[in-house]
């Protein structure tokens, strides 16, 4: 930072110029350009394994916006459509920690529309036969978000294999870097 002092008959003023090494720190309209990876883990101890979803994020001020996707199909198809027990209480680990309560919830305040949602969409022969919508929240400050089911639509048998696309649209206030956290997650390089 550079400080410039100017004497004036009216009052003393300090002008501050911020030199940025990273454009995203200075750009007030930064786009989703920084790659990142989140980890998703099902709530049940079923045969549905955790997986990583890749996406992009941006930070403007102390607010983070991100979109991450993953296709579970072909060889990696799920053994059955994710049920309420698989999804309600599932978790997402994010590389950049957030503040407890910084994600909104329809269950807490019906006047606040929730823009932090997680989706599973049926693919292939399951298109228009399965989808699940969840909200994701930080229950404590840190790297772990907990998902709660808002809606499941399923016209498939409970034991049918399924191809799905996972989409996470996350928005939250980031934790100040000076604060110590206990549940850390490695930031992708």
N, C-alpha and C. Protein backbone atom coordinates (compact mmCIF):
# COMPACT_ATOMS: atom_id res chain seq x y z
N UNK A 1 0.83 -1.17 0.00
CA UNK A 1 0.00 0.00 0.00
C UNK A 1 0.88 1.24 0.00
N UNK A 2 0.42 2.27 -0.67
CA UNK A 2 1.14 3.54 -0.71
C UNK A 2 0.26 4.60 -0.07
N UNK A 3 0.85 5.41 0.79
CA UNK A 3 0.12 6.46 1.47
C UNK A 3 0.62 7.81 0.96
N UNK A 4 -0.31 8.70 0.68
CA UNK A 4 0.05 10.03 0.21
C UNK A 4 -0.64 11.05 1.10
N UNK A 5 0.15 11.90 1.73
CA UNK A 5 -0.40 12.96 2.58
C UNK A 5 -0.38 14.27 1.80
N UNK A 6 -1.53 14.92 1.78
CA UNK A 6 -1.63 16.21 1.11
C UNK A 6 -2.10 17.25 2.12
N UNK A 7 -1.35 18.33 2.23
CA UNK A 7 -1.81 19.39 3.12
C UNK A 7 -2.81 20.26 2.39
N UNK A 8 -3.81 20.69 3.12
CA UNK A 8 -4.87 21.48 2.53
C UNK A 8 -5.36 22.46 3.58
N UNK A 9 -5.90 23.56 3.12
CA UNK A 9 -6.44 24.51 4.08
C UNK A 9 -7.71 23.97 4.70
N UNK A 10 -8.41 23.07 4.00
CA UNK A 10 -9.68 22.56 4.52
C UNK A 10 -9.44 21.49 5.59
N UNK A 11 -8.78 20.42 5.27
CA UNK A 11 -8.51 19.35 6.25
C UNK A 11 -7.45 18.42 5.68
N UNK A 12 -6.88 17.64 6.58
CA UNK A 12 -5.90 16.64 6.16
C UNK A 12 -6.63 15.44 5.57
N UNK A 13 -6.18 14.94 4.44
CA UNK A 13 -6.77 13.76 3.82
C UNK A 13 -5.67 12.77 3.51
N UNK A 14 -6.00 11.51 3.59
CA UNK A 14 -5.07 10.44 3.24
C UNK A 14 -5.64 9.70 2.04
N UNK A 15 -4.86 9.60 1.00
CA UNK A 15 -5.27 8.82 -0.16
C UNK A 15 -4.52 7.48 -0.12
N UNK A 16 -5.26 6.41 -0.33
CA UNK A 16 -4.66 5.07 -0.28
C UNK A 16 -4.81 4.42 -1.65
N UNK A 17 -3.71 3.95 -2.17
CA UNK A 17 -3.73 3.20 -3.43
C UNK A 17 -3.39 1.76 -3.12
N UNK A 18 -4.25 0.83 -3.59
CA UNK A 18 -4.03 -0.59 -3.36
C UNK A 18 -3.38 -1.21 -4.59
N UNK A 19 -2.18 -1.74 -4.41
CA UNK A 19 -1.51 -2.47 -5.48
C UNK A 19 -1.87 -3.95 -5.35
N UNK A 20 -2.39 -4.54 -6.42
CA UNK A 20 -2.84 -5.93 -6.36
C UNK A 20 -1.93 -6.84 -7.16
N UNK A 21 -1.58 -7.96 -6.56
CA UNK A 21 -0.85 -8.99 -7.29
C UNK A 21 -1.82 -9.91 -8.02
N UNK A 22 -3.04 -10.03 -7.48
CA UNK A 22 -4.06 -10.86 -8.10
C UNK A 22 -5.19 -9.96 -8.56
N UNK A 23 -5.55 -10.06 -9.84
CA UNK A 23 -6.59 -9.19 -10.39
C UNK A 23 -7.91 -9.33 -9.64
N UNK A 24 -8.23 -10.55 -9.19
CA UNK A 24 -9.52 -10.78 -8.54
C UNK A 24 -9.68 -9.97 -7.26
N UNK A 25 -8.57 -9.57 -6.63
CA UNK A 25 -8.65 -8.78 -5.41
C UNK A 25 -9.07 -7.35 -5.70
N UNK A 26 -8.79 -6.85 -6.88
CA UNK A 26 -9.10 -5.47 -7.24
C UNK A 26 -10.33 -5.35 -8.12
N UNK A 27 -10.72 -6.42 -8.76
CA UNK A 27 -11.80 -6.38 -9.73
C UNK A 27 -13.15 -6.49 -9.02
N UNK A 28 -13.95 -5.40 -9.00
CA UNK A 28 -15.24 -5.47 -8.29
C UNK A 28 -16.25 -6.38 -8.99
N UNK A 29 -16.03 -6.71 -10.24
CA UNK A 29 -16.93 -7.59 -10.98
C UNK A 29 -16.19 -8.85 -11.42
N UNK A 30 -15.49 -9.45 -10.48
CA UNK A 30 -14.69 -10.63 -10.84
C UNK A 30 -15.60 -11.76 -11.28
N UNK A 31 -15.17 -12.48 -12.32
CA UNK A 31 -15.97 -13.57 -12.85
C UNK A 31 -15.52 -14.88 -12.23
N UNK A 32 -16.28 -15.95 -12.49
CA UNK A 32 -15.94 -17.26 -11.96
C UNK A 32 -14.76 -17.82 -12.76
N UNK A 33 -13.55 -17.56 -12.27
CA UNK A 33 -12.38 -17.94 -13.04
C UNK A 33 -11.42 -18.82 -12.26
N UNK A 34 -11.61 -18.99 -10.97
CA UNK A 34 -10.63 -19.72 -10.16
C UNK A 34 -11.13 -21.14 -9.94
N UNK A 35 -10.41 -22.16 -10.40
CA UNK A 35 -10.88 -23.53 -10.23
C UNK A 35 -10.80 -23.99 -8.78
N UNK A 36 -11.76 -24.84 -8.37
CA UNK A 36 -11.70 -25.44 -7.05
C UNK A 36 -12.43 -26.76 -7.06
N UNK A 37 -12.26 -27.53 -5.97
CA UNK A 37 -12.86 -28.85 -5.85
C UNK A 37 -13.53 -28.97 -4.50
N UNK A 38 -14.76 -29.49 -4.48
CA UNK A 38 -15.44 -29.76 -3.22
C UNK A 38 -15.61 -31.26 -3.07
N UNK A 39 -15.80 -31.72 -1.84
CA UNK A 39 -16.03 -33.14 -1.57
C UNK A 39 -17.44 -33.33 -1.05
N UNK A 40 -18.17 -34.31 -1.61
CA UNK A 40 -19.53 -34.61 -1.19
C UNK A 40 -19.56 -35.99 -0.54
N UNK A 41 -20.24 -36.08 0.61
CA UNK A 41 -20.36 -37.36 1.31
C UNK A 41 -21.83 -37.59 1.67
N UNK A 42 -22.35 -38.76 1.30
CA UNK A 42 -23.73 -39.11 1.61
C UNK A 42 -23.92 -39.25 3.11
N UNK A 43 -25.16 -39.05 3.57
CA UNK A 43 -25.47 -39.11 5.00
C UNK A 43 -25.47 -40.55 5.51
N UNK A 44 -26.02 -41.45 4.72
CA UNK A 44 -26.14 -42.84 5.17
C UNK A 44 -24.82 -43.57 4.96
N UNK A 45 -24.69 -44.66 5.66
CA UNK A 45 -23.49 -45.50 5.45
C UNK A 45 -23.80 -46.54 4.38
N UNK A 46 -24.44 -46.08 3.32
CA UNK A 46 -24.84 -47.00 2.25
C UNK A 46 -23.65 -47.25 1.32
N UNK A 47 -23.96 -47.87 0.20
CA UNK A 47 -22.92 -48.18 -0.78
C UNK A 47 -22.69 -47.01 -1.74
N UNK A 48 -23.18 -45.82 -1.39
CA UNK A 48 -22.94 -44.64 -2.22
C UNK A 48 -21.70 -43.92 -1.69
N UNK A 49 -20.61 -43.91 -2.45
CA UNK A 49 -19.34 -43.39 -1.93
C UNK A 49 -19.27 -41.87 -2.01
N UNK A 50 -18.34 -41.30 -1.24
CA UNK A 50 -18.09 -39.85 -1.37
C UNK A 50 -17.43 -39.60 -2.72
N UNK A 51 -17.53 -38.37 -3.20
CA UNK A 51 -16.89 -38.03 -4.48
C UNK A 51 -16.51 -36.56 -4.48
N UNK A 52 -15.66 -36.20 -5.42
CA UNK A 52 -15.23 -34.81 -5.57
C UNK A 52 -15.90 -34.21 -6.79
N UNK A 53 -16.35 -32.97 -6.66
CA UNK A 53 -16.94 -32.24 -7.78
C UNK A 53 -16.08 -31.03 -8.06
N UNK A 54 -15.79 -30.81 -9.32
CA UNK A 54 -14.93 -29.69 -9.71
C UNK A 54 -15.78 -28.54 -10.21
N UNK A 55 -15.26 -27.33 -10.04
CA UNK A 55 -16.00 -26.16 -10.49
C UNK A 55 -15.15 -24.91 -10.47
N UNK A 56 -15.81 -23.78 -10.39
CA UNK A 56 -15.15 -22.48 -10.39
C UNK A 56 -15.74 -21.64 -9.26
N UNK A 57 -14.93 -20.69 -8.77
CA UNK A 57 -15.44 -19.79 -7.74
C UNK A 57 -14.86 -18.41 -7.93
N UNK A 58 -15.50 -17.44 -7.29
CA UNK A 58 -14.96 -16.09 -7.22
C UNK A 58 -15.26 -15.54 -5.84
N UNK A 59 -14.42 -14.62 -5.39
CA UNK A 59 -14.66 -13.93 -4.13
C UNK A 59 -14.73 -12.45 -4.42
N UNK A 60 -15.81 -11.82 -3.99
CA UNK A 60 -15.95 -10.36 -4.11
C UNK A 60 -16.16 -9.85 -2.69
N UNK A 61 -15.22 -9.08 -2.19
CA UNK A 61 -15.27 -8.68 -0.79
C UNK A 61 -15.04 -9.90 0.06
N UNK A 62 -15.97 -10.21 0.95
CA UNK A 62 -15.85 -11.43 1.75
C UNK A 62 -16.91 -12.46 1.39
N UNK A 63 -17.54 -12.30 0.21
CA UNK A 63 -18.59 -13.23 -0.23
C UNK A 63 -18.05 -14.13 -1.33
N UNK A 64 -18.30 -15.41 -1.18
CA UNK A 64 -17.85 -16.40 -2.16
C UNK A 64 -19.04 -16.93 -2.94
N UNK A 65 -18.89 -17.04 -4.25
CA UNK A 65 -19.87 -17.67 -5.13
C UNK A 65 -19.17 -18.79 -5.88
N UNK A 66 -19.83 -19.94 -5.97
CA UNK A 66 -19.20 -21.04 -6.70
C UNK A 66 -20.26 -21.95 -7.32
N UNK A 67 -19.84 -22.64 -8.38
CA UNK A 67 -20.65 -23.69 -8.99
C UNK A 67 -19.73 -24.88 -9.23
N UNK A 68 -20.16 -26.06 -8.75
CA UNK A 68 -19.37 -27.28 -8.94
C UNK A 68 -20.28 -28.36 -9.50
N UNK A 69 -19.75 -29.19 -10.40
CA UNK A 69 -20.55 -30.26 -11.00
C UNK A 69 -19.75 -31.56 -11.04
N UNK A 70 -20.49 -32.67 -11.11
CA UNK A 70 -19.87 -33.98 -11.27
C UNK A 70 -20.88 -34.91 -11.94
N UNK A 71 -20.44 -35.69 -12.91
CA UNK A 71 -21.31 -36.65 -13.58
C UNK A 71 -21.02 -38.03 -13.04
N UNK A 72 -22.05 -38.68 -12.50
CA UNK A 72 -21.94 -40.05 -11.99
C UNK A 72 -22.67 -40.95 -12.97
N UNK A 73 -21.96 -41.42 -13.97
CA UNK A 73 -22.60 -42.22 -14.99
C UNK A 73 -21.67 -43.24 -15.59
N UNK A 74 -22.22 -44.13 -16.41
CA UNK A 74 -21.40 -45.16 -17.05
C UNK A 74 -20.81 -46.08 -16.00
N UNK A 75 -19.49 -46.12 -15.91
CA UNK A 75 -18.81 -46.98 -14.94
C UNK A 75 -19.06 -46.51 -13.52
N UNK A 76 -19.21 -45.20 -13.33
CA UNK A 76 -19.40 -44.67 -11.98
C UNK A 76 -20.86 -44.40 -11.64
N UNK A 77 -21.79 -45.09 -12.32
CA UNK A 77 -23.21 -44.88 -12.02
C UNK A 77 -23.50 -45.30 -10.58
N UNK A 78 -24.54 -44.69 -10.02
CA UNK A 78 -24.94 -45.05 -8.66
C UNK A 78 -25.72 -46.36 -8.68
N UNK A 79 -25.60 -47.14 -7.63
CA UNK A 79 -26.26 -48.45 -7.58
C UNK A 79 -27.76 -48.33 -7.40
N UNK A 80 -28.22 -47.17 -6.91
CA UNK A 80 -29.66 -46.93 -6.75
C UNK A 80 -29.88 -45.43 -6.64
N UNK A 81 -31.11 -44.96 -6.89
CA UNK A 81 -31.37 -43.52 -6.76
C UNK A 81 -31.16 -43.07 -5.31
N UNK A 82 -30.46 -41.96 -5.08
CA UNK A 82 -30.27 -41.49 -3.70
C UNK A 82 -31.62 -41.22 -3.03
N UNK A 83 -31.79 -41.78 -1.84
CA UNK A 83 -33.05 -41.63 -1.09
C UNK A 83 -32.92 -40.47 -0.09
N UNK A 84 -34.03 -40.19 0.59
CA UNK A 84 -34.03 -39.17 1.64
C UNK A 84 -32.96 -39.48 2.68
N UNK A 85 -32.86 -40.74 3.10
CA UNK A 85 -31.86 -41.12 4.12
C UNK A 85 -30.43 -40.95 3.62
N UNK A 86 -30.22 -41.10 2.31
CA UNK A 86 -28.88 -40.91 1.74
C UNK A 86 -28.50 -39.43 1.71
N UNK A 87 -29.50 -38.56 1.50
CA UNK A 87 -29.21 -37.15 1.22
C UNK A 87 -29.38 -36.22 2.42
N UNK A 88 -30.39 -36.44 3.26
CA UNK A 88 -30.63 -35.53 4.37
C UNK A 88 -29.56 -35.71 5.44
N UNK A 89 -28.76 -34.68 5.64
CA UNK A 89 -27.61 -34.78 6.54
C UNK A 89 -26.31 -35.08 5.82
N UNK A 90 -26.35 -35.16 4.49
CA UNK A 90 -25.11 -35.33 3.73
C UNK A 90 -24.27 -34.06 3.89
N UNK A 91 -22.98 -34.16 3.58
CA UNK A 91 -22.08 -33.03 3.84
C UNK A 91 -21.27 -32.67 2.61
N UNK A 92 -20.88 -31.42 2.55
CA UNK A 92 -19.99 -30.90 1.52
C UNK A 92 -18.81 -30.25 2.23
N UNK A 93 -17.61 -30.66 1.88
CA UNK A 93 -16.41 -30.00 2.41
C UNK A 93 -15.89 -29.05 1.35
N UNK A 94 -15.74 -27.79 1.74
CA UNK A 94 -15.28 -26.75 0.81
C UNK A 94 -13.88 -26.32 1.19
N UNK A 95 -13.05 -25.96 0.21
CA UNK A 95 -11.67 -25.57 0.49
C UNK A 95 -11.54 -24.25 1.22
N UNK A 96 -12.50 -23.33 1.04
CA UNK A 96 -12.42 -22.01 1.66
C UNK A 96 -13.48 -21.94 2.76
N UNK A 97 -13.07 -21.83 4.02
CA UNK A 97 -14.02 -21.90 5.13
C UNK A 97 -15.00 -20.74 5.14
N UNK A 98 -16.20 -21.01 5.67
CA UNK A 98 -17.25 -20.00 5.75
C UNK A 98 -17.75 -19.80 7.16
N UNK A 99 -18.56 -18.76 7.34
CA UNK A 99 -19.08 -18.38 8.65
C UNK A 99 -20.42 -19.07 8.90
N UNK A 100 -20.59 -19.58 10.11
CA UNK A 100 -21.85 -20.21 10.51
C UNK A 100 -23.02 -19.27 10.25
N UNK A 101 -24.06 -19.81 9.61
CA UNK A 101 -25.25 -19.02 9.34
C UNK A 101 -25.15 -18.08 8.16
N UNK A 102 -24.05 -18.08 7.45
CA UNK A 102 -23.89 -17.14 6.32
C UNK A 102 -24.60 -17.63 5.06
N UNK A 103 -25.08 -18.88 5.08
CA UNK A 103 -25.91 -19.38 3.99
C UNK A 103 -27.36 -19.31 4.45
N UNK A 104 -28.27 -18.97 3.55
CA UNK A 104 -29.66 -18.77 3.94
C UNK A 104 -30.41 -20.08 4.03
N UNK A 105 -31.58 -20.05 4.65
CA UNK A 105 -32.39 -21.25 4.82
C UNK A 105 -33.86 -20.91 4.69
N UNK A 106 -34.56 -21.66 3.85
CA UNK A 106 -36.01 -21.48 3.75
C UNK A 106 -36.70 -21.94 5.03
N UNK A 107 -36.08 -22.87 5.74
CA UNK A 107 -36.70 -23.39 6.95
C UNK A 107 -36.62 -22.39 8.10
N UNK A 108 -35.65 -21.46 8.06
CA UNK A 108 -35.54 -20.48 9.14
C UNK A 108 -36.39 -19.25 8.88
N UNK A 109 -36.38 -18.74 7.67
CA UNK A 109 -37.10 -17.51 7.37
C UNK A 109 -37.73 -17.63 5.99
N UNK A 110 -39.05 -17.85 5.91
CA UNK A 110 -39.68 -18.05 4.60
C UNK A 110 -39.62 -16.82 3.71
N UNK A 111 -39.28 -15.65 4.25
CA UNK A 111 -39.17 -14.44 3.43
C UNK A 111 -37.83 -14.36 2.71
N UNK A 112 -36.88 -15.21 3.11
CA UNK A 112 -35.54 -15.18 2.52
C UNK A 112 -35.41 -16.30 1.49
N UNK A 113 -35.36 -15.97 0.19
CA UNK A 113 -35.21 -17.04 -0.81
C UNK A 113 -33.83 -17.68 -0.71
N UNK A 114 -33.79 -18.98 -0.81
CA UNK A 114 -32.51 -19.69 -0.65
C UNK A 114 -31.81 -19.79 -1.99
N UNK A 115 -30.61 -19.24 -2.07
CA UNK A 115 -29.84 -19.31 -3.32
C UNK A 115 -28.63 -20.21 -3.16
N UNK A 116 -28.61 -21.02 -2.11
CA UNK A 116 -27.53 -21.99 -1.90
C UNK A 116 -28.17 -23.36 -1.98
N UNK A 117 -28.05 -24.00 -3.13
CA UNK A 117 -28.73 -25.28 -3.32
C UNK A 117 -27.83 -26.31 -3.97
N UNK A 118 -28.18 -27.57 -3.75
CA UNK A 118 -27.45 -28.71 -4.27
C UNK A 118 -28.47 -29.60 -4.97
N UNK A 119 -28.09 -30.14 -6.13
CA UNK A 119 -29.04 -30.89 -6.95
C UNK A 119 -28.44 -32.22 -7.40
N UNK A 120 -29.31 -33.21 -7.56
CA UNK A 120 -29.03 -34.42 -8.31
C UNK A 120 -30.08 -34.49 -9.41
N UNK A 121 -29.65 -34.63 -10.67
CA UNK A 121 -30.55 -34.76 -11.80
C UNK A 121 -30.32 -36.10 -12.48
N UNK A 122 -31.40 -36.86 -12.72
CA UNK A 122 -31.27 -38.11 -13.46
C UNK A 122 -30.81 -37.85 -14.88
N UNK A 123 -29.95 -38.73 -15.38
CA UNK A 123 -29.42 -38.62 -16.75
C UNK A 123 -29.72 -39.90 -17.52
N UNK A 124 -29.48 -39.86 -18.83
CA UNK A 124 -29.71 -41.05 -19.67
C UNK A 124 -31.17 -41.47 -19.62
N UNK A 125 -31.41 -42.74 -19.29
CA UNK A 125 -32.78 -43.24 -19.22
C UNK A 125 -33.54 -42.71 -18.01
N UNK A 126 -32.85 -42.01 -17.11
CA UNK A 126 -33.49 -41.47 -15.90
C UNK A 126 -33.86 -40.00 -16.02
N UNK A 127 -33.66 -39.40 -17.20
CA UNK A 127 -34.04 -37.99 -17.39
C UNK A 127 -35.54 -37.85 -17.14
N UNK A 128 -35.89 -36.82 -16.41
CA UNK A 128 -37.28 -36.52 -16.03
C UNK A 128 -37.92 -37.57 -15.13
N UNK A 129 -37.12 -38.52 -14.63
CA UNK A 129 -37.66 -39.54 -13.72
C UNK A 129 -37.11 -39.40 -12.30
N UNK A 130 -36.03 -38.60 -12.15
CA UNK A 130 -35.46 -38.42 -10.81
C UNK A 130 -34.79 -37.05 -10.70
N UNK A 131 -35.05 -36.38 -9.59
CA UNK A 131 -34.25 -35.22 -9.20
C UNK A 131 -34.38 -35.03 -7.69
N UNK A 132 -33.37 -34.44 -7.11
CA UNK A 132 -33.37 -34.11 -5.68
C UNK A 132 -32.83 -32.70 -5.52
N UNK A 133 -33.46 -31.94 -4.63
CA UNK A 133 -33.03 -30.57 -4.35
C UNK A 133 -32.76 -30.47 -2.85
N UNK A 134 -31.59 -29.94 -2.51
CA UNK A 134 -31.22 -29.76 -1.11
C UNK A 134 -30.73 -28.34 -0.90
N UNK A 135 -30.79 -27.88 0.35
CA UNK A 135 -30.12 -26.64 0.72
C UNK A 135 -28.88 -27.02 1.52
N UNK A 136 -27.86 -26.17 1.46
CA UNK A 136 -26.61 -26.44 2.17
C UNK A 136 -26.30 -25.28 3.10
N UNK A 137 -25.91 -25.61 4.35
CA UNK A 137 -25.64 -24.57 5.36
C UNK A 137 -24.41 -24.94 6.18
N UNK A 138 -23.71 -23.90 6.63
CA UNK A 138 -22.68 -24.09 7.64
C UNK A 138 -23.37 -24.13 9.00
N UNK A 139 -23.28 -25.26 9.71
CA UNK A 139 -23.86 -25.32 11.05
C UNK A 139 -22.86 -24.78 12.08
N UNK A 140 -21.58 -24.81 11.75
CA UNK A 140 -20.54 -24.15 12.54
C UNK A 140 -19.58 -23.50 11.54
N UNK A 141 -18.82 -22.54 12.00
CA UNK A 141 -17.82 -21.92 11.11
C UNK A 141 -16.75 -22.94 10.77
N UNK A 142 -16.38 -22.97 9.51
CA UNK A 142 -15.36 -23.92 9.08
C UNK A 142 -15.56 -24.34 7.65
N UNK A 143 -15.16 -25.57 7.33
CA UNK A 143 -15.16 -26.05 5.95
C UNK A 143 -16.29 -27.01 5.61
N UNK A 144 -17.15 -27.33 6.56
CA UNK A 144 -18.17 -28.35 6.31
C UNK A 144 -19.57 -27.76 6.28
N UNK A 145 -20.29 -28.02 5.17
CA UNK A 145 -21.69 -27.64 5.03
C UNK A 145 -22.55 -28.89 5.17
N UNK A 146 -23.72 -28.72 5.77
CA UNK A 146 -24.66 -29.82 5.94
C UNK A 146 -25.85 -29.59 5.00
N UNK A 147 -26.25 -30.64 4.28
CA UNK A 147 -27.35 -30.55 3.32
C UNK A 147 -28.64 -31.07 3.93
N UNK A 148 -29.73 -30.36 3.66
CA UNK A 148 -31.07 -30.78 4.09
C UNK A 148 -31.96 -30.88 2.85
N UNK A 149 -32.71 -31.97 2.75
CA UNK A 149 -33.55 -32.22 1.58
C UNK A 149 -34.73 -31.26 1.56
N UNK A 150 -34.95 -30.64 0.42
CA UNK A 150 -36.13 -29.81 0.19
C UNK A 150 -37.16 -30.57 -0.65
N UNK A 151 -36.67 -31.35 -1.62
CA UNK A 151 -37.59 -32.06 -2.51
C UNK A 151 -36.88 -33.23 -3.17
N UNK A 152 -37.59 -34.34 -3.27
CA UNK A 152 -37.12 -35.49 -4.06
C UNK A 152 -38.27 -35.93 -4.96
N UNK A 153 -37.97 -36.08 -6.24
CA UNK A 153 -38.92 -36.61 -7.21
C UNK A 153 -38.32 -37.89 -7.77
N UNK A 154 -39.02 -39.03 -7.60
CA UNK A 154 -38.46 -40.31 -8.01
C UNK A 154 -39.55 -41.19 -8.62
N UNK A 155 -39.39 -41.52 -9.89
CA UNK A 155 -40.28 -42.46 -10.57
C UNK A 155 -39.54 -43.74 -10.93
N UNK A 156 -38.45 -44.02 -10.23
CA UNK A 156 -37.64 -45.21 -10.49
C UNK A 156 -37.81 -46.20 -9.34
N UNK A 157 -37.46 -47.44 -9.60
CA UNK A 157 -37.46 -48.44 -8.53
C UNK A 157 -36.29 -48.15 -7.59
N UNK A 158 -36.45 -48.50 -6.33
CA UNK A 158 -35.45 -48.14 -5.33
C UNK A 158 -34.11 -48.85 -5.54
N UNK A 159 -34.08 -49.94 -6.32
CA UNK A 159 -32.83 -50.67 -6.56
C UNK A 159 -32.30 -50.50 -7.98
N UNK A 160 -32.90 -49.62 -8.77
CA UNK A 160 -32.43 -49.39 -10.14
C UNK A 160 -31.12 -48.61 -10.14
N UNK A 161 -30.11 -49.04 -10.94
CA UNK A 161 -28.92 -48.19 -11.11
C UNK A 161 -29.32 -46.90 -11.81
N UNK A 162 -28.58 -45.83 -11.55
CA UNK A 162 -28.96 -44.53 -12.10
C UNK A 162 -27.72 -43.72 -12.45
N UNK A 163 -27.79 -43.02 -13.58
CA UNK A 163 -26.80 -42.01 -13.94
C UNK A 163 -27.35 -40.67 -13.47
N UNK A 164 -26.50 -39.89 -12.79
CA UNK A 164 -26.95 -38.58 -12.31
C UNK A 164 -25.88 -37.53 -12.57
N UNK A 165 -26.33 -36.29 -12.62
CA UNK A 165 -25.43 -35.15 -12.58
C UNK A 165 -25.63 -34.45 -11.25
N UNK A 166 -24.53 -34.20 -10.56
CA UNK A 166 -24.53 -33.49 -9.28
C UNK A 166 -24.16 -32.03 -9.55
N UNK A 167 -24.91 -31.10 -9.00
CA UNK A 167 -24.61 -29.67 -9.16
C UNK A 167 -24.72 -29.01 -7.79
N UNK A 168 -23.70 -28.25 -7.40
CA UNK A 168 -23.73 -27.49 -6.15
C UNK A 168 -23.56 -26.01 -6.48
N UNK A 169 -24.54 -25.21 -6.10
CA UNK A 169 -24.48 -23.76 -6.28
C UNK A 169 -24.37 -23.16 -4.88
N UNK A 170 -23.19 -22.69 -4.54
CA UNK A 170 -22.92 -22.25 -3.16
C UNK A 170 -22.65 -20.75 -3.12
N UNK A 171 -23.14 -20.13 -2.06
CA UNK A 171 -22.87 -18.69 -1.82
C UNK A 171 -22.80 -18.50 -0.32
N UNK A 172 -21.67 -17.93 0.15
CA UNK A 172 -21.55 -17.72 1.59
C UNK A 172 -20.51 -16.66 1.90
N UNK A 173 -20.46 -16.26 3.16
CA UNK A 173 -19.48 -15.29 3.63
C UNK A 173 -18.27 -16.06 4.14
N UNK A 174 -17.09 -15.71 3.66
CA UNK A 174 -15.88 -16.44 4.01
C UNK A 174 -15.42 -16.10 5.42
N UNK A 175 -14.78 -17.08 6.03
CA UNK A 175 -14.24 -16.90 7.38
C UNK A 175 -12.99 -16.03 7.30
N UNK A 176 -12.83 -15.05 8.20
CA UNK A 176 -11.59 -14.25 8.19
C UNK A 176 -10.38 -15.15 8.35
N UNK A 177 -9.34 -14.89 7.57
CA UNK A 177 -8.16 -15.77 7.59
C UNK A 177 -7.42 -15.72 8.91
N UNK A 178 -7.62 -14.69 9.71
CA UNK A 178 -6.91 -14.59 10.99
C UNK A 178 -7.53 -15.49 12.05
N UNK A 179 -8.74 -16.01 11.80
CA UNK A 179 -9.42 -16.84 12.78
C UNK A 179 -8.96 -18.29 12.66
N UNK A 180 -8.69 -18.91 13.81
CA UNK A 180 -8.28 -20.32 13.80
C UNK A 180 -9.49 -21.21 13.56
N UNK A 181 -9.29 -22.25 12.74
CA UNK A 181 -10.35 -23.22 12.50
C UNK A 181 -9.80 -24.60 12.76
N UNK A 182 -10.70 -25.52 13.09
CA UNK A 182 -10.25 -26.87 13.45
C UNK A 182 -10.48 -27.88 12.34
N UNK A 183 -11.50 -27.69 11.53
CA UNK A 183 -11.78 -28.68 10.48
C UNK A 183 -11.30 -28.13 9.14
N UNK A 184 -10.02 -28.32 8.86
CA UNK A 184 -9.42 -27.76 7.65
C UNK A 184 -9.61 -28.70 6.46
N UNK A 185 -9.45 -28.14 5.27
CA UNK A 185 -9.58 -28.90 4.03
C UNK A 185 -8.52 -28.36 3.08
N UNK A 186 -7.80 -29.24 2.42
CA UNK A 186 -6.69 -28.82 1.57
C UNK A 186 -7.20 -28.11 0.34
N UNK A 187 -6.64 -26.91 0.08
CA UNK A 187 -7.02 -26.14 -1.11
C UNK A 187 -6.31 -26.72 -2.33
N UNK A 188 -7.07 -27.00 -3.40
CA UNK A 188 -6.42 -27.56 -4.60
C UNK A 188 -5.38 -26.62 -5.17
N UNK A 189 -4.28 -27.18 -5.68
CA UNK A 189 -3.18 -26.37 -6.19
C UNK A 189 -3.31 -25.97 -7.59
